[in-house]
């Protein structure tokens, strides 16, 4: 099997994952939905409107992000 199925509903992401989008590259395409970019920089959390997966930013934003 290639990638990870969209089973988990919670992921911790870091500044290296920005700009954040769902599904993540490691998720299986057959189990996915259209790519949607999520704004996580202001609140530190974002939820995908398609699948309900919650993303939480872990660590600091890189300098230059607002």
PDB file of N, CA and C in Angstrom:
ATOM      1  N   UNK A   1       0.852  -1.177   0.000  1.00  0.00           N
ATOM      2  CA  UNK A   1       0.000   0.000   0.000  1.00  0.00           C
ATOM      3  C   UNK A   1       0.894   1.235   0.000  1.00  0.00           C
ATOM      4  N   UNK A   2       0.552   2.217  -0.788  1.00  0.00           N
ATOM      5  CA  UNK A   2       1.327   3.445  -0.867  1.00  0.00           C
ATOM      6  C   UNK A   2       0.662   4.518  -0.032  1.00  0.00           C
ATOM      7  N   UNK A   3       1.442   5.245   0.758  1.00  0.00           N
ATOM      8  CA  UNK A   3       0.894   6.341   1.543  1.00  0.00           C
ATOM      9  C   UNK A   3       0.104   5.857   2.736  1.00  0.00           C
ATOM     10  N   UNK A   4      -0.541   6.788   3.374  1.00  0.00           N
ATOM     11  CA  UNK A   4      -1.339   6.509   4.549  1.00  0.00           C
ATOM     12  C   UNK A   4      -2.791   6.808   4.229  1.00  0.00           C
ATOM     13  N   UNK A   5      -3.685   5.922   4.577  1.00  0.00           N
ATOM     14  CA  UNK A   5      -5.097   6.182   4.358  1.00  0.00           C
ATOM     15  C   UNK A   5      -5.550   7.303   5.276  1.00  0.00           C
ATOM     16  N   UNK A   6      -6.577   8.024   4.853  1.00  0.00           N
ATOM     17  CA  UNK A   6      -7.115   9.076   5.705  1.00  0.00           C
ATOM     18  C   UNK A   6      -8.005   8.407   6.742  1.00  0.00           C
ATOM     19  N   UNK A   7      -7.392   7.966   7.827  1.00  0.00           N
ATOM     20  CA  UNK A   7      -8.117   7.327   8.923  1.00  0.00           C
ATOM     21  C   UNK A   7      -8.039   8.203  10.161  1.00  0.00           C
ATOM     22  N   UNK A   8      -6.863   8.721  10.403  1.00  0.00           N
ATOM     23  CA  UNK A   8      -6.673   9.557  11.569  1.00  0.00           C
ATOM     24  C   UNK A   8      -7.397  10.874  11.371  1.00  0.00           C
ATOM     25  N   UNK A   9      -7.940  11.393  12.418  1.00  0.00           N
ATOM     26  CA  UNK A   9      -8.651  12.665  12.343  1.00  0.00           C
ATOM     27  C   UNK A   9      -7.869  13.774  13.021  1.00  0.00           C
ATOM     28  N   UNK A  10      -6.609  13.509  13.407  1.00  0.00           N
ATOM     29  CA  UNK A  10      -5.785  14.502  14.088  1.00  0.00           C
ATOM     30  C   UNK A  10      -4.336  14.328  13.656  1.00  0.00           C
ATOM     31  N   UNK A  11      -3.735  15.410  13.228  1.00  0.00           N
ATOM     32  CA  UNK A  11      -2.329  15.401  12.849  1.00  0.00           C
ATOM     33  C   UNK A  11      -1.640  16.603  13.458  1.00  0.00           C
ATOM     34  N   UNK A  12      -0.429  16.398  13.955  1.00  0.00           N
ATOM     35  CA  UNK A  12       0.412  17.506  14.370  1.00  0.00           C
ATOM     36  C   UNK A  12       1.333  17.816  13.203  1.00  0.00           C
ATOM     37  N   UNK A  13       1.421  19.096  12.863  1.00  0.00           N
ATOM     38  CA  UNK A  13       2.256  19.529  11.752  1.00  0.00           C
ATOM     39  C   UNK A  13       3.236  20.580  12.249  1.00  0.00           C
ATOM     40  N   UNK A  14       4.292  20.796  11.488  1.00  0.00           N
ATOM     41  CA  UNK A  14       5.299  21.796  11.841  1.00  0.00           C
ATOM     42  C   UNK A  14       5.383  22.836  10.730  1.00  0.00           C
ATOM     43  N   UNK A  15       6.209  23.832  10.954  1.00  0.00           N
ATOM     44  CA  UNK A  15       6.396  24.885   9.962  1.00  0.00           C
ATOM     45  C   UNK A  15       6.876  24.312   8.628  1.00  0.00           C
ATOM     46  N   UNK A  16       7.553  23.177   8.656  1.00  0.00           N
ATOM     47  CA  UNK A  16       8.038  22.552   7.421  1.00  0.00           C
ATOM     48  C   UNK A  16       6.874  22.076   6.549  1.00  0.00           C
ATOM     49  N   UNK A  17       5.693  21.884   7.132  1.00  0.00           N
ATOM     50  CA  UNK A  17       4.517  21.420   6.388  1.00  0.00           C
ATOM     51  C   UNK A  17       3.726  22.561   5.755  1.00  0.00           C
ATOM     52  N   UNK A  18       4.149  23.802   5.984  1.00  0.00           N
ATOM     53  CA  UNK A  18       3.426  24.953   5.448  1.00  0.00           C
ATOM     54  C   UNK A  18       3.863  25.251   4.026  1.00  0.00           C
ATOM     55  N   UNK A  19       3.006  25.699   3.145  1.00  0.00           N
ATOM     56  CA  UNK A  19       1.587  25.923   3.382  1.00  0.00           C
ATOM     57  C   UNK A  19       0.861  24.583   3.560  1.00  0.00           C
ATOM     58  N   UNK A  20      -0.027  24.549   4.532  1.00  0.00           N
ATOM     59  CA  UNK A  20      -0.735  23.328   4.895  1.00  0.00           C
ATOM     60  C   UNK A  20      -1.876  23.050   3.934  1.00  0.00           C
ATOM     61  N   UNK A  21      -1.972  21.802   3.524  1.00  0.00           N
ATOM     62  CA  UNK A  21      -3.112  21.409   2.703  1.00  0.00           C
ATOM     63  C   UNK A  21      -3.542  20.006   3.087  1.00  0.00           C
ATOM     64  N   UNK A  22      -4.784  19.726   2.840  1.00  0.00           N
ATOM     65  CA  UNK A  22      -5.361  18.410   3.092  1.00  0.00           C
ATOM     66  C   UNK A  22      -5.928  17.908   1.770  1.00  0.00           C
ATOM     67  N   UNK A  23      -5.692  16.671   1.408  1.00  0.00           N
ATOM     68  CA  UNK A  23      -4.932  15.673   2.137  1.00  0.00           C
ATOM     69  C   UNK A  23      -3.430  15.937   2.056  1.00  0.00           C
ATOM     70  N   UNK A  24      -2.716  15.408   3.043  1.00  0.00           N
ATOM     71  CA  UNK A  24      -1.259  15.519   3.065  1.00  0.00           C
ATOM     72  C   UNK A  24      -0.670  14.614   1.991  1.00  0.00           C
ATOM     73  N   UNK A  25       0.552  14.889   1.544  1.00  0.00           N
ATOM     74  CA  UNK A  25       1.163  14.056   0.502  1.00  0.00           C
ATOM     75  C   UNK A  25       1.279  12.583   0.889  1.00  0.00           C
ATOM     76  N   UNK A  26       1.359  12.278   2.168  1.00  0.00           N
ATOM     77  CA  UNK A  26       1.515  10.887   2.604  1.00  0.00           C
ATOM     78  C   UNK A  26       0.196  10.119   2.604  1.00  0.00           C
ATOM     79  N   UNK A  27      -0.921  10.794   2.371  1.00  0.00           N
ATOM     80  CA  UNK A  27      -2.225  10.127   2.373  1.00  0.00           C
ATOM     81  C   UNK A  27      -2.513   9.525   1.000  1.00  0.00           C
ATOM     82  N   UNK A  28      -3.176   8.392   0.994  1.00  0.00           N
ATOM     83  CA  UNK A  28      -3.498   7.701  -0.255  1.00  0.00           C
ATOM     84  C   UNK A  28      -4.463   8.519  -1.103  1.00  0.00           C
ATOM     85  N   UNK A  29      -4.173   8.624  -2.380  1.00  0.00           N
ATOM     86  CA  UNK A  29      -5.004   9.418  -3.285  1.00  0.00           C
ATOM     87  C   UNK A  29      -6.406   8.828  -3.441  1.00  0.00           C
ATOM     88  N   UNK A  30      -6.528   7.511  -3.438  1.00  0.00           N
ATOM     89  CA  UNK A  30      -7.832   6.893  -3.656  1.00  0.00           C
ATOM     90  C   UNK A  30      -8.805   7.194  -2.517  1.00  0.00           C
ATOM     91  N   UNK A  31      -8.269   7.509  -1.364  1.00  0.00           N
ATOM     92  CA  UNK A  31      -9.084   7.716  -0.182  1.00  0.00           C
ATOM     93  C   UNK A  31      -9.268   9.207   0.098  1.00  0.00           C
ATOM     94  N   UNK A  32      -8.849  10.041  -0.813  1.00  0.00           N
ATOM     95  CA  UNK A  32      -8.798  11.463  -0.556  1.00  0.00           C
ATOM     96  C   UNK A  32      -9.958  12.253  -1.111  1.00  0.00           C
ATOM     97  N   UNK A  33      -9.745  13.534  -1.163  1.00  0.00           N
ATOM     98  CA  UNK A  33     -10.696  14.507  -1.678  1.00  0.00           C
ATOM     99  C   UNK A  33      -9.884  15.579  -2.371  1.00  0.00           C
ATOM    100  N   UNK A  34     -10.516  16.535  -3.016  1.00  0.00           N
ATOM    101  CA  UNK A  34      -9.732  17.600  -3.663  1.00  0.00           C
ATOM    102  C   UNK A  34      -8.833  18.303  -2.647  1.00  0.00           C
ATOM    103  N   UNK A  35      -7.665  18.710  -3.096  1.00  0.00           N
ATOM    104  CA  UNK A  35      -6.733  19.405  -2.203  1.00  0.00           C
ATOM    105  C   UNK A  35      -7.318  20.748  -1.797  1.00  0.00           C
ATOM    106  N   UNK A  36      -7.281  21.014  -0.513  1.00  0.00           N
ATOM    107  CA  UNK A  36      -7.744  22.286   0.021  1.00  0.00           C
ATOM    108  C   UNK A  36      -6.645  22.830   0.932  1.00  0.00           C
ATOM    109  N   UNK A  37      -6.307  24.099   0.742  1.00  0.00           N
ATOM    110  CA  UNK A  37      -5.295  24.723   1.587  1.00  0.00           C
ATOM    111  C   UNK A  37      -5.960  25.253   2.848  1.00  0.00           C
ATOM    112  N   UNK A  38      -5.287  25.052   3.985  1.00  0.00           N
ATOM    113  CA  UNK A  38      -5.843  25.403   5.284  1.00  0.00           C
ATOM    114  C   UNK A  38      -4.985  26.466   5.954  1.00  0.00           C
ATOM    115  N   UNK A  39      -5.632  27.469   6.505  1.00  0.00           N
ATOM    116  CA  UNK A  39      -4.935  28.531   7.224  1.00  0.00           C
ATOM    117  C   UNK A  39      -4.782  28.115   8.679  1.00  0.00           C
ATOM    118  N   UNK A  40      -3.552  27.907   9.089  1.00  0.00           N
ATOM    119  CA  UNK A  40      -3.284  27.441  10.443  1.00  0.00           C
ATOM    120  C   UNK A  40      -2.406  28.432  11.209  1.00  0.00           C
ATOM    121  N   UNK A  41      -1.864  29.408  10.503  1.00  0.00           N
ATOM    122  CA  UNK A  41      -0.864  30.296  11.097  1.00  0.00           C
ATOM    123  C   UNK A  41      -1.399  31.163  12.233  1.00  0.00           C
ATOM    124  N   UNK A  42      -2.619  31.630  12.178  1.00  0.00           N
ATOM    125  CA  UNK A  42      -3.132  32.553  13.199  1.00  0.00           C
ATOM    126  C   UNK A  42      -3.552  31.865  14.482  1.00  0.00           C
ATOM    127  N   UNK A  43      -4.257  30.756  14.384  1.00  0.00           N
ATOM    128  CA  UNK A  43      -4.810  30.113  15.574  1.00  0.00           C
ATOM    129  C   UNK A  43      -4.020  28.895  16.028  1.00  0.00           C
ATOM    130  N   UNK A  44      -3.199  28.330  15.131  1.00  0.00           N
ATOM    131  CA  UNK A  44      -2.440  27.141  15.484  1.00  0.00           C
ATOM    132  C   UNK A  44      -3.201  25.849  15.239  1.00  0.00           C
ATOM    133  N   UNK A  45      -4.458  25.964  14.783  1.00  0.00           N
ATOM    134  CA  UNK A  45      -5.264  24.787  14.461  1.00  0.00           C
ATOM    135  C   UNK A  45      -6.092  25.060  13.217  1.00  0.00           C
ATOM    136  N   UNK A  46      -6.400  24.000  12.511  1.00  0.00           N
ATOM    137  CA  UNK A  46      -7.270  24.104  11.332  1.00  0.00           C
ATOM    138  C   UNK A  46      -7.997  22.776  11.155  1.00  0.00           C
ATOM    139  N   UNK A  47      -9.212  22.852  10.600  1.00  0.00           N
ATOM    140  CA  UNK A  47      -9.978  21.649  10.329  1.00  0.00           C
ATOM    141  C   UNK A  47     -10.338  21.611   8.849  1.00  0.00           C
ATOM    142  N   UNK A  48     -10.156  20.466   8.237  1.00  0.00           N
ATOM    143  CA  UNK A  48     -10.483  20.286   6.829  1.00  0.00           C
ATOM    144  C   UNK A  48     -11.998  20.273   6.652  1.00  0.00           C
ATOM    145  N   UNK A  49     -12.516  21.107   5.758  1.00  0.00           N
ATOM    146  CA  UNK A  49     -13.966  21.133   5.543  1.00  0.00           C
ATOM    147  C   UNK A  49     -14.497  19.890   4.823  1.00  0.00           C
ATOM    148  N   UNK A  50     -13.623  19.119   4.175  1.00  0.00           N
ATOM    149  CA  UNK A  50     -14.050  17.919   3.461  1.00  0.00           C
ATOM    150  C   UNK A  50     -14.146  16.702   4.374  1.00  0.00           C
ATOM    151  N   UNK A  51     -13.077  16.438   5.128  1.00  0.00           N
ATOM    152  CA  UNK A  51     -13.028  15.182   5.885  1.00  0.00           C
ATOM    153  C   UNK A  51     -13.050  15.367   7.396  1.00  0.00           C
ATOM    154  N   UNK A  52     -12.945  16.621   7.854  1.00  0.00           N
ATOM    155  CA  UNK A  52     -13.006  16.877   9.283  1.00  0.00           C
ATOM    156  C   UNK A  52     -11.709  16.642  10.030  1.00  0.00           C
ATOM    157  N   UNK A  53     -10.633  16.310   9.327  1.00  0.00           N
ATOM    158  CA  UNK A  53      -9.348  16.107   9.986  1.00  0.00           C
ATOM    159  C   UNK A  53      -8.891  17.408  10.620  1.00  0.00           C
ATOM    160  N   UNK A  54      -8.407  17.312  11.857  1.00  0.00           N
ATOM    161  CA  UNK A  54      -7.923  18.478  12.590  1.00  0.00           C
ATOM    162  C   UNK A  54      -6.397  18.469  12.539  1.00  0.00           C
ATOM    163  N   UNK A  55      -5.834  19.628  12.239  1.00  0.00           N
ATOM    164  CA  UNK A  55      -4.393  19.804  12.199  1.00  0.00           C
ATOM    165  C   UNK A  55      -3.998  20.792  13.287  1.00  0.00           C
ATOM    166  N   UNK A  56      -2.942  20.467  14.031  1.00  0.00           N
ATOM    167  CA  UNK A  56      -2.448  21.356  15.076  1.00  0.00           C
ATOM    168  C   UNK A  56      -0.986  21.663  14.788  1.00  0.00           C
ATOM    169  N   UNK A  57      -0.664  22.953  14.814  1.00  0.00           N
ATOM    170  CA  UNK A  57       0.701  23.395  14.557  1.00  0.00           C
ATOM    171  C   UNK A  57       1.543  23.168  15.800  1.00  0.00           C
ATOM    172  N   UNK A  58       2.644  22.472  15.625  1.00  0.00           N
ATOM    173  CA  UNK A  58       3.559  22.169  16.722  1.00  0.00           C
ATOM    174  C   UNK A  58       4.842  22.964  16.496  1.00  0.00           C
ATOM    175  N   UNK A  59       5.258  23.713  17.487  1.00  0.00           N
ATOM    176  CA  UNK A  59       6.461  24.514  17.342  1.00  0.00           C
ATOM    177  C   UNK A  59       6.148  25.913  16.830  1.00  0.00           C
ATOM    178  N   UNK A  60       7.194  26.643  16.527  1.00  0.00           N
ATOM    179  CA  UNK A  60       7.072  28.025  16.086  1.00  0.00           C
ATOM    180  C   UNK A  60       6.952  28.130  14.574  1.00  0.00           C
ATOM    181  N   UNK A  61       6.338  29.233  14.141  1.00  0.00           N
ATOM    182  CA  UNK A  61       6.313  29.542  12.719  1.00  0.00           C
ATOM    183  C   UNK A  61       7.678  30.027  12.282  1.00  0.00           C
ATOM    184  N   UNK A  62       8.072  29.759  11.053  1.00  0.00           N
ATOM    185  CA  UNK A  62       9.339  30.313  10.580  1.00  0.00           C
ATOM    186  C   UNK A  62       9.238  31.817  10.473  1.00  0.00           C
ATOM    187  N   UNK A  63      10.338  32.502  10.610  1.00  0.00           N
ATOM    188  CA  UNK A  63      10.325  33.967  10.488  1.00  0.00           C
ATOM    189  C   UNK A  63       9.867  34.362   9.107  1.00  0.00           C
ATOM    190  N   UNK A  64       9.068  35.403   9.032  1.00  0.00           N
ATOM    191  CA  UNK A  64       8.557  35.873   7.752  1.00  0.00           C
ATOM    192  C   UNK A  64       7.099  35.511   7.538  1.00  0.00           C
ATOM    193  N   UNK A  65       6.570  34.543   8.323  1.00  0.00           N
ATOM    194  CA  UNK A  65       5.142  34.231   8.234  1.00  0.00           C
ATOM    195  C   UNK A  65       4.392  35.216   9.082  1.00  0.00           C
ATOM    196  N   UNK A  66       3.184  35.626   8.621  1.00  0.00           N
ATOM    197  CA  UNK A  66       2.390  36.531   9.437  1.00  0.00           C
ATOM    198  C   UNK A  66       1.215  35.809   9.966  1.00  0.00           C
TER     199      UNK A  66
END
